[in-house]
Amino acid sequence: MSASTQAHERIDLRTSPEVKELIVRAASSVGMTVSAFLLGTAQERAREILAEKETVTLSSRDWIAFAKALDNTEKSRPKLAAAMKRHRDWQKR
């Protein structure tokens, strides 16, 4: 945890002596406290999991089909067009 980060929440864990010793050894081997090691490792893994679950990956063929489906709508979608414009403008920054 950085010096500018304040701890506001607490997480309590119970584990076996073997798992605790494993975590203590790993944290020590990289020069970290057990708390810093657990928080850093859990944060990193949480970001990986959420990135997997919240990201849609399309093949080139699927992306083209998706874009064509959006372009070929019969109904006018001004909110979607505005959102796409904001996204393009944001990407240019």
Protein backbone atom coordinates (compact mmCIF):
# COMPACT_ATOMS: atom_id res chain seq x y z
CA MET A 1 0.00 0.00 0.00
CA SER A 2 1.47 3.39 -0.88
CA ALA A 3 1.94 6.08 1.75
CA SER A 4 -0.83 8.18 0.17
CA THR A 5 -3.33 5.32 0.34
CA GLN A 6 -5.34 5.11 3.51
CA ALA A 7 -6.75 1.80 4.67
CA HIS A 8 -10.48 2.05 5.26
CA GLU A 9 -11.61 -1.56 5.12
CA ARG A 10 -10.47 -4.77 6.73
CA ILE A 11 -10.40 -8.30 5.34
CA ASP A 12 -9.95 -11.19 7.75
CA LEU A 13 -8.75 -14.56 6.53
CA ARG A 14 -8.48 -17.97 8.14
CA THR A 15 -6.18 -20.57 6.68
CA SER A 16 -4.19 -23.64 7.52
CA PRO A 17 -0.71 -23.31 9.00
CA GLU A 18 0.73 -24.77 5.78
CA VAL A 19 -0.90 -22.15 3.55
CA LYS A 20 0.10 -19.37 5.94
CA GLU A 21 3.72 -20.53 5.90
CA LEU A 22 3.67 -20.67 2.10
CA ILE A 23 2.35 -17.10 1.89
CA VAL A 24 4.81 -15.84 4.51
CA ARG A 25 7.72 -17.42 2.64
CA ALA A 26 6.60 -16.00 -0.71
CA ALA A 27 6.09 -12.51 0.71
CA SER A 28 9.45 -12.63 2.44
CA SER A 29 11.19 -13.80 -0.73
CA VAL A 30 10.08 -10.64 -2.56
CA GLY A 31 10.68 -8.33 0.40
CA MET A 32 7.04 -7.59 1.14
CA THR A 33 4.88 -7.77 4.21
CA VAL A 34 2.24 -10.48 4.18
CA SER A 35 -0.50 -7.84 3.97
CA ALA A 36 1.13 -6.03 1.05
CA PHE A 37 1.79 -9.35 -0.71
CA LEU A 38 -1.80 -10.56 -0.28
CA LEU A 39 -3.33 -7.23 -1.31
CA GLY A 40 -1.07 -6.81 -4.33
CA THR A 41 -1.56 -10.37 -5.52
CA ALA A 42 -5.32 -10.29 -4.97
CA GLN A 43 -5.63 -6.92 -6.74
CA GLU A 44 -3.63 -8.10 -9.74
CA ARG A 45 -5.68 -11.29 -10.05
CA ALA A 46 -8.97 -9.42 -9.57
CA ARG A 47 -8.07 -7.07 -12.43
CA GLU A 48 -7.19 -10.03 -14.67
CA ILE A 49 -10.47 -11.80 -13.90
CA LEU A 50 -12.57 -8.67 -14.46
CA ALA A 51 -10.75 -7.88 -17.70
CA GLU A 52 -11.55 -11.39 -18.93
CA LYS A 53 -15.20 -11.18 -17.89
CA GLU A 54 -15.87 -7.59 -18.97
CA THR A 55 -14.06 -7.56 -22.33
CA VAL A 56 -15.56 -8.83 -25.54
CA THR A 57 -13.03 -10.04 -28.09
CA LEU A 58 -14.18 -10.45 -31.67
CA SER A 59 -12.40 -11.95 -34.63
CA SER A 60 -11.92 -9.65 -37.62
CA ARG A 61 -14.82 -11.36 -39.39
CA ASP A 62 -17.13 -10.99 -36.38
CA TRP A 63 -16.15 -7.34 -35.88
CA ILE A 64 -16.96 -6.55 -39.52
CA ALA A 65 -20.34 -8.30 -39.19
CA PHE A 66 -21.04 -6.40 -35.96
CA ALA A 67 -20.10 -3.04 -37.52
CA LYS A 68 -22.24 -3.76 -40.61
CA ALA A 69 -25.19 -4.65 -38.39
CA LEU A 70 -24.81 -1.32 -36.60
CA ASP A 71 -24.46 0.58 -39.90
CA ASN A 72 -27.44 -1.14 -41.55
CA THR A 73 -30.08 -0.32 -38.99
CA GLU A 74 -33.33 0.98 -40.42
CA LYS A 75 -34.18 2.97 -37.33
CA SER A 76 -32.33 6.21 -36.59
CA ARG A 77 -30.30 5.97 -33.40
CA PRO A 78 -29.18 9.50 -32.48
CA LYS A 79 -28.02 8.52 -28.97
CA LEU A 80 -25.84 5.75 -30.38
CA ALA A 81 -24.41 8.10 -33.02
CA ALA A 82 -23.65 10.68 -30.33
CA ALA A 83 -21.99 8.05 -28.14
CA MET A 84 -19.86 6.86 -31.05
CA LYS A 85 -18.83 10.46 -31.81
CA ARG A 86 -17.86 11.04 -28.16
CA HIS A 87 -15.83 7.84 -28.24
CA ARG A 88 -14.02 8.87 -31.42
CA ASP A 89 -13.35 12.33 -29.96
CA TRP A 90 -12.09 10.77 -26.72
CA GLN A 91 -9.72 8.46 -28.64
CA LYS A 92 -8.18 11.45 -30.44
CA ARG A 93 -7.03 13.02 -27.13
